[in-house]
């Protein structure tokens, strides 16, 4: 993946920031968002960043290799999480918007333009933005953000797996796999499960 979209925008903007999230769909754990700004006119001419893509299309091992390279090459980056309790209180869509805004606000230098993966965004900061459906597979900085968000969330869920080993969080990252749902059936929900997410498999409505 190349910085084609960014190159077109760098004519008018100095700091173009890609933003993406991980963890909207799981039954447990936080939603995590990342914001990444690469230096103006940056191009991944060689090295591992040439293999950057939508994090969902990458193996876990490749994501773990890419994450430090992204942090090293980026002008600035930030990762923020919104916990399961907030998700239950304000709903997952608002929690996702909150995580994205927090990531953008946490950057040490304010960006001039936000590129958001998806079709909606509710900004809390006075920065222009564009939403791009499928942006994590189309825009370099969004793909980078997707990798940072995913690797950080996976790390968090691996830590939770040590506290709640019966749910297999190190394997399912909180998603509703058959194994995970069966564990909830046997043990009930853990303290990090999202109580607002109902399970039809368990007869919940």
C-alpha atoms as a PDB file:
ATOM      1  CA  UNK A   1       0.000   0.000   0.000  1.00  0.00           C
ATOM      2  CA  UNK A   2       1.257   3.479  -0.917  1.00  0.00           C
ATOM      3  CA  UNK A   3       0.517   6.954   0.435  1.00  0.00           C
ATOM      4  CA  UNK A   4      -1.414   7.875  -2.729  1.00  0.00           C
ATOM      5  CA  UNK A   5      -4.394   9.482  -0.974  1.00  0.00           C
ATOM      6  CA  UNK A   6      -2.147  11.386   1.405  1.00  0.00           C
ATOM      7  CA  UNK A   7       0.001  12.708  -1.444  1.00  0.00           C
ATOM      8  CA  UNK A   8      -3.040  14.361  -2.999  1.00  0.00           C
ATOM      9  CA  UNK A   9      -3.974  15.921   0.349  1.00  0.00           C
ATOM     10  CA  UNK A  10      -0.473  17.016   1.354  1.00  0.00           C
ATOM     11  CA  UNK A  11      -0.667  19.759  -1.257  1.00  0.00           C
ATOM     12  CA  UNK A  12      -3.180  21.515   1.016  1.00  0.00           C
ATOM     13  CA  UNK A  13      -2.613  20.002   4.473  1.00  0.00           C
ATOM     14  CA  UNK A  14       0.545  19.586   6.539  1.00  0.00           C
ATOM     15  CA  UNK A  15      -0.565  16.911   9.000  1.00  0.00           C
ATOM     16  CA  UNK A  16      -2.978  14.331   7.590  1.00  0.00           C
ATOM     17  CA  UNK A  17      -4.165  11.944  10.288  1.00  0.00           C
ATOM     18  CA  UNK A  18      -5.588   8.461   9.740  1.00  0.00           C
ATOM     19  CA  UNK A  19      -7.968   7.129  12.405  1.00  0.00           C
ATOM     20  CA  UNK A  20      -9.402   3.647  12.876  1.00  0.00           C
ATOM     21  CA  UNK A  21     -10.772   1.489  15.657  1.00  0.00           C
ATOM     22  CA  UNK A  22     -10.752  -2.117  16.816  1.00  0.00           C
ATOM     23  CA  UNK A  23     -13.303  -3.842  18.984  1.00  0.00           C
ATOM     24  CA  UNK A  24     -16.760  -2.649  18.008  1.00  0.00           C
ATOM     25  CA  UNK A  25     -18.169  -6.141  17.687  1.00  0.00           C
ATOM     26  CA  UNK A  26     -16.797  -8.189  20.615  1.00  0.00           C
ATOM     27  CA  UNK A  27     -18.844  -9.275  23.597  1.00  0.00           C
ATOM     28  CA  UNK A  28     -16.153  -8.211  26.060  1.00  0.00           C
ATOM     29  CA  UNK A  29     -13.424  -5.681  26.583  1.00  0.00           C
ATOM     30  CA  UNK A  30     -12.846  -2.130  25.358  1.00  0.00           C
ATOM     31  CA  UNK A  31     -13.094  -0.453  21.997  1.00  0.00           C
ATOM     32  CA  UNK A  32      -9.706   0.952  20.985  1.00  0.00           C
ATOM     33  CA  UNK A  33      -8.906   3.697  18.467  1.00  0.00           C
ATOM     34  CA  UNK A  34      -5.620   4.886  17.026  1.00  0.00           C
ATOM     35  CA  UNK A  35      -4.585   8.065  15.240  1.00  0.00           C
ATOM     36  CA  UNK A  36      -1.473   8.177  13.039  1.00  0.00           C
ATOM     37  CA  UNK A  37       0.212  11.108  11.266  1.00  0.00           C
ATOM     38  CA  UNK A  38       3.090  10.410   8.890  1.00  0.00           C
ATOM     39  CA  UNK A  39       5.596  13.085   7.876  1.00  0.00           C
ATOM     40  CA  UNK A  40       4.555  15.127   4.875  1.00  0.00           C
ATOM     41  CA  UNK A  41       5.562  13.427   1.601  1.00  0.00           C
ATOM     42  CA  UNK A  42       6.384  10.187   3.409  1.00  0.00           C
ATOM     43  CA  UNK A  43       6.600   7.142   1.137  1.00  0.00           C
ATOM     44  CA  UNK A  44       7.179   3.537   2.282  1.00  0.00           C
ATOM     45  CA  UNK A  45       9.765   2.846  -0.408  1.00  0.00           C
ATOM     46  CA  UNK A  46      11.236  -0.212   1.272  1.00  0.00           C
ATOM     47  CA  UNK A  47      11.048  -2.325   4.395  1.00  0.00           C
ATOM     48  CA  UNK A  48       8.158  -3.901   6.204  1.00  0.00           C
ATOM     49  CA  UNK A  49       5.788  -0.946   5.797  1.00  0.00           C
ATOM     50  CA  UNK A  50       5.445  -1.946   2.153  1.00  0.00           C
ATOM     51  CA  UNK A  51       3.369  -4.841   3.513  1.00  0.00           C
ATOM     52  CA  UNK A  52       0.954  -2.602   5.397  1.00  0.00           C
ATOM     53  CA  UNK A  53      -2.737  -3.264   4.766  1.00  0.00           C
ATOM     54  CA  UNK A  54      -6.055  -3.399   6.567  1.00  0.00           C
ATOM     55  CA  UNK A  55      -5.224  -5.097   9.876  1.00  0.00           C
ATOM     56  CA  UNK A  56      -7.990  -7.675   9.314  1.00  0.00           C
ATOM     57  CA  UNK A  57      -6.098  -8.922   6.252  1.00  0.00           C
ATOM     58  CA  UNK A  58      -2.814  -9.400   8.117  1.00  0.00           C
ATOM     59  CA  UNK A  59      -1.623 -12.240  10.296  1.00  0.00           C
ATOM     60  CA  UNK A  60      -1.146 -11.525  13.999  1.00  0.00           C
ATOM     61  CA  UNK A  61       2.616 -11.971  13.650  1.00  0.00           C
ATOM     62  CA  UNK A  62       2.817  -9.475  10.780  1.00  0.00           C
ATOM     63  CA  UNK A  63       0.716  -6.952  12.711  1.00  0.00           C
ATOM     64  CA  UNK A  64       3.128  -7.279  15.631  1.00  0.00           C
ATOM     65  CA  UNK A  65       6.057  -6.614  13.276  1.00  0.00           C
ATOM     66  CA  UNK A  66       4.363  -3.649  11.643  1.00  0.00           C
ATOM     67  CA  UNK A  67       3.306  -1.867  14.838  1.00  0.00           C
ATOM     68  CA  UNK A  68       6.796  -0.760  15.996  1.00  0.00           C
ATOM     69  CA  UNK A  69       7.730   0.227  12.433  1.00  0.00           C
ATOM     70  CA  UNK A  70       4.626   2.436  12.264  1.00  0.00           C
ATOM     71  CA  UNK A  71       5.446   4.073  15.587  1.00  0.00           C
ATOM     72  CA  UNK A  72       9.019   4.693  14.471  1.00  0.00           C
ATOM     73  CA  UNK A  73       8.187   6.192  11.068  1.00  0.00           C
ATOM     74  CA  UNK A  74       5.144   8.238  12.096  1.00  0.00           C
ATOM     75  CA  UNK A  75       5.523  11.905  12.928  1.00  0.00           C
ATOM     76  CA  UNK A  76       3.148  11.257  15.803  1.00  0.00           C
ATOM     77  CA  UNK A  77       0.588   8.689  16.901  1.00  0.00           C
ATOM     78  CA  UNK A  78      -1.809   7.987  19.761  1.00  0.00           C
ATOM     79  CA  UNK A  79      -3.939   5.075  20.964  1.00  0.00           C
ATOM     80  CA  UNK A  80      -6.934   5.425  23.277  1.00  0.00           C
ATOM     81  CA  UNK A  81      -9.420   2.929  24.723  1.00  0.00           C
ATOM     82  CA  UNK A  82     -12.986   3.235  26.011  1.00  0.00           C
ATOM     83  CA  UNK A  83     -13.890   0.553  28.530  1.00  0.00           C
ATOM     84  CA  UNK A  84     -16.816  -1.873  28.574  1.00  0.00           C
ATOM     85  CA  UNK A  85     -18.643   0.063  31.286  1.00  0.00           C
ATOM     86  CA  UNK A  86     -18.729   3.197  29.142  1.00  0.00           C
ATOM     87  CA  UNK A  87     -19.829   1.133  26.143  1.00  0.00           C
ATOM     88  CA  UNK A  88     -22.769  -0.190  28.173  1.00  0.00           C
ATOM     89  CA  UNK A  89     -23.643   3.290  29.396  1.00  0.00           C
ATOM     90  CA  UNK A  90     -23.539   5.264  26.135  1.00  0.00           C
ATOM     91  CA  UNK A  91     -23.717   2.453  23.479  1.00  0.00           C
ATOM     92  CA  UNK A  92     -21.002   1.116  21.202  1.00  0.00           C
ATOM     93  CA  UNK A  93     -21.389   3.707  18.434  1.00  0.00           C
ATOM     94  CA  UNK A  94     -20.921   6.654  20.785  1.00  0.00           C
ATOM     95  CA  UNK A  95     -18.106   4.840  22.565  1.00  0.00           C
ATOM     96  CA  UNK A  96     -16.351   4.336  19.232  1.00  0.00           C
ATOM     97  CA  UNK A  97     -16.690   8.039  18.389  1.00  0.00           C
ATOM     98  CA  UNK A  98     -15.360   8.875  21.844  1.00  0.00           C
ATOM     99  CA  UNK A  99     -12.307   6.627  21.393  1.00  0.00           C
ATOM    100  CA  UNK A 100     -11.564   8.145  17.968  1.00  0.00           C
ATOM    101  CA  UNK A 101     -11.830  11.683  19.304  1.00  0.00           C
ATOM    102  CA  UNK A 102      -9.634  10.874  22.287  1.00  0.00           C
ATOM    103  CA  UNK A 103      -6.977   9.432  19.980  1.00  0.00           C
ATOM    104  CA  UNK A 104      -6.982  12.577  17.829  1.00  0.00           C
ATOM    105  CA  UNK A 105      -6.901  14.829  20.900  1.00  0.00           C
ATOM    106  CA  UNK A 106      -3.994  12.859  22.389  1.00  0.00           C
ATOM    107  CA  UNK A 107      -1.666  13.579  19.471  1.00  0.00           C
ATOM    108  CA  UNK A 108       1.181  15.864  20.571  1.00  0.00           C
ATOM    109  CA  UNK A 109       0.548  18.090  17.530  1.00  0.00           C
ATOM    110  CA  UNK A 110      -2.941  18.855  16.249  1.00  0.00           C
ATOM    111  CA  UNK A 111      -3.558  17.489  12.754  1.00  0.00           C
ATOM    112  CA  UNK A 112      -4.935  19.597   9.908  1.00  0.00           C
ATOM    113  CA  UNK A 113      -7.192  16.888   8.477  1.00  0.00           C
ATOM    114  CA  UNK A 114      -8.684  13.660   9.840  1.00  0.00           C
ATOM    115  CA  UNK A 115      -9.278  10.648   7.611  1.00  0.00           C
ATOM    116  CA  UNK A 116     -11.771   8.365   9.335  1.00  0.00           C
ATOM    117  CA  UNK A 117     -12.436   4.749   8.427  1.00  0.00           C
ATOM    118  CA  UNK A 118     -16.167   4.218   7.934  1.00  0.00           C
ATOM    119  CA  UNK A 119     -19.165   6.299   6.965  1.00  0.00           C
ATOM    120  CA  UNK A 120     -19.741   8.467  10.035  1.00  0.00           C
ATOM    121  CA  UNK A 121     -17.898  10.546  12.596  1.00  0.00           C
ATOM    122  CA  UNK A 122     -18.957  12.897  15.360  1.00  0.00           C
ATOM    123  CA  UNK A 123     -16.059  15.291  15.954  1.00  0.00           C
ATOM    124  CA  UNK A 124     -15.221  16.898  19.276  1.00  0.00           C
ATOM    125  CA  UNK A 125     -12.270  18.880  17.933  1.00  0.00           C
ATOM    126  CA  UNK A 126     -12.317  21.742  15.380  1.00  0.00           C
ATOM    127  CA  UNK A 127     -10.474  19.855  12.636  1.00  0.00           C
ATOM    128  CA  UNK A 128     -11.906  19.099   9.179  1.00  0.00           C
ATOM    129  CA  UNK A 129     -12.441  15.435   8.426  1.00  0.00           C
ATOM    130  CA  UNK A 130     -13.348  12.962   5.696  1.00  0.00           C
ATOM    131  CA  UNK A 131     -14.995   9.591   6.222  1.00  0.00           C
ATOM    132  CA  UNK A 132     -13.846   6.826   3.882  1.00  0.00           C
ATOM    133  CA  UNK A 133     -15.697   3.520   3.660  1.00  0.00           C
ATOM    134  CA  UNK A 134     -13.132   0.739   3.564  1.00  0.00           C
ATOM    135  CA  UNK A 135     -10.428   3.280   4.327  1.00  0.00           C
ATOM    136  CA  UNK A 136      -8.309   0.762   6.199  1.00  0.00           C
ATOM    137  CA  UNK A 137      -7.699  -1.018   2.886  1.00  0.00           C
ATOM    138  CA  UNK A 138      -7.360   2.173   0.812  1.00  0.00           C
ATOM    139  CA  UNK A 139      -5.494   4.798   2.835  1.00  0.00           C
ATOM    140  CA  UNK A 140      -2.009   4.238   4.245  1.00  0.00           C
ATOM    141  CA  UNK A 141      -2.420   6.244   7.445  1.00  0.00           C
ATOM    142  CA  UNK A 142      -5.786   4.630   8.219  1.00  0.00           C
ATOM    143  CA  UNK A 143      -4.288   1.173   7.666  1.00  0.00           C
ATOM    144  CA  UNK A 144      -1.493   2.114  10.070  1.00  0.00           C
ATOM    145  CA  UNK A 145      -4.062   3.229  12.643  1.00  0.00           C
ATOM    146  CA  UNK A 146      -5.948  -0.037  12.213  1.00  0.00           C
ATOM    147  CA  UNK A 147      -2.783  -2.004  13.016  1.00  0.00           C
ATOM    148  CA  UNK A 148      -1.968   0.048  16.119  1.00  0.00           C
ATOM    149  CA  UNK A 149      -5.547  -0.204  17.397  1.00  0.00           C
ATOM    150  CA  UNK A 150      -5.760  -3.938  16.762  1.00  0.00           C
ATOM    151  CA  UNK A 151      -2.394  -4.838  18.290  1.00  0.00           C
ATOM    152  CA  UNK A 152      -3.068  -2.745  21.394  1.00  0.00           C
ATOM    153  CA  UNK A 153      -6.517  -4.259  21.884  1.00  0.00           C
ATOM    154  CA  UNK A 154      -5.166  -7.790  21.388  1.00  0.00           C
ATOM    155  CA  UNK A 155      -2.509  -7.073  24.014  1.00  0.00           C
ATOM    156  CA  UNK A 156      -5.167  -5.896  26.449  1.00  0.00           C
ATOM    157  CA  UNK A 157      -7.316  -8.963  25.840  1.00  0.00           C
ATOM    158  CA  UNK A 158      -4.317 -11.255  26.397  1.00  0.00           C
ATOM    159  CA  UNK A 159      -3.864  -9.615  29.796  1.00  0.00           C
ATOM    160  CA  UNK A 160      -7.548 -10.133  30.560  1.00  0.00           C
ATOM    161  CA  UNK A 161      -7.141 -13.791  29.552  1.00  0.00           C
ATOM    162  CA  UNK A 162      -4.759 -14.276  32.455  1.00  0.00           C
ATOM    163  CA  UNK A 163      -7.402 -12.953  34.868  1.00  0.00           C
ATOM    164  CA  UNK A 164     -10.341 -14.760  33.267  1.00  0.00           C
ATOM    165  CA  UNK A 165      -8.833 -17.868  31.615  1.00  0.00           C
ATOM    166  CA  UNK A 166     -12.125 -19.729  31.185  1.00  0.00           C
ATOM    167  CA  UNK A 167     -13.242 -17.453  28.281  1.00  0.00           C
ATOM    168  CA  UNK A 168     -10.296 -17.902  25.908  1.00  0.00           C
ATOM    169  CA  UNK A 169      -9.788 -14.182  25.375  1.00  0.00           C
ATOM    170  CA  UNK A 170      -6.238 -14.824  24.103  1.00  0.00           C
ATOM    171  CA  UNK A 171      -7.811 -16.728  21.183  1.00  0.00           C
ATOM    172  CA  UNK A 172     -11.080 -14.886  20.510  1.00  0.00           C
ATOM    173  CA  UNK A 173     -10.211 -11.331  21.668  1.00  0.00           C
ATOM    174  CA  UNK A 174     -13.711 -11.160  23.107  1.00  0.00           C
ATOM    175  CA  UNK A 175     -15.552 -11.926  19.861  1.00  0.00           C
ATOM    176  CA  UNK A 176     -18.572 -14.195  19.978  1.00  0.00           C
ATOM    177  CA  UNK A 177     -17.034 -17.461  18.855  1.00  0.00           C
ATOM    178  CA  UNK A 178     -18.829 -20.720  19.613  1.00  0.00           C
ATOM    179  CA  UNK A 179     -16.248 -21.472  22.307  1.00  0.00           C
ATOM    180  CA  UNK A 180     -16.736 -18.051  23.883  1.00  0.00           C
ATOM    181  CA  UNK A 181     -20.535 -18.231  23.910  1.00  0.00           C
ATOM    182  CA  UNK A 182     -20.384 -21.700  25.442  1.00  0.00           C
ATOM    183  CA  UNK A 183     -18.062 -20.368  28.153  1.00  0.00           C
ATOM    184  CA  UNK A 184     -20.591 -17.645  28.961  1.00  0.00           C
ATOM    185  CA  UNK A 185     -23.303 -20.299  29.111  1.00  0.00           C
ATOM    186  CA  UNK A 186     -21.271 -22.289  31.647  1.00  0.00           C
ATOM    187  CA  UNK A 187     -19.699 -19.519  33.728  1.00  0.00           C
ATOM    188  CA  UNK A 188     -21.859 -16.457  33.159  1.00  0.00           C
ATOM    189  CA  UNK A 189     -20.351 -13.128  32.147  1.00  0.00           C
ATOM    190  CA  UNK A 190     -17.014 -11.930  33.478  1.00  0.00           C
ATOM    191  CA  UNK A 191     -16.547  -8.430  34.934  1.00  0.00           C
ATOM    192  CA  UNK A 192     -15.315  -7.167  31.529  1.00  0.00           C
ATOM    193  CA  UNK A 193     -18.228  -8.450  29.440  1.00  0.00           C
ATOM    194  CA  UNK A 194     -20.523  -5.915  27.805  1.00  0.00           C
ATOM    195  CA  UNK A 195     -23.880  -6.447  29.471  1.00  0.00           C
ATOM    196  CA  UNK A 196     -25.676  -4.401  26.813  1.00  0.00           C
ATOM    197  CA  UNK A 197     -24.715  -6.971  24.144  1.00  0.00           C
ATOM    198  CA  UNK A 198     -27.443  -9.614  24.162  1.00  0.00           C
ATOM    199  CA  UNK A 199     -26.891 -13.197  23.029  1.00  0.00           C
ATOM    200  CA  UNK A 200     -29.635 -14.826  20.983  1.00  0.00           C
ATOM    201  CA  UNK A 201     -27.803 -18.133  21.362  1.00  0.00           C
ATOM    202  CA  UNK A 202     -28.583 -17.962  25.081  1.00  0.00           C
ATOM    203  CA  UNK A 203     -32.167 -16.853  24.574  1.00  0.00           C
ATOM    204  CA  UNK A 204     -31.475 -13.220  25.443  1.00  0.00           C
ATOM    205  CA  UNK A 205     -33.539 -10.467  23.841  1.00  0.00           C
END
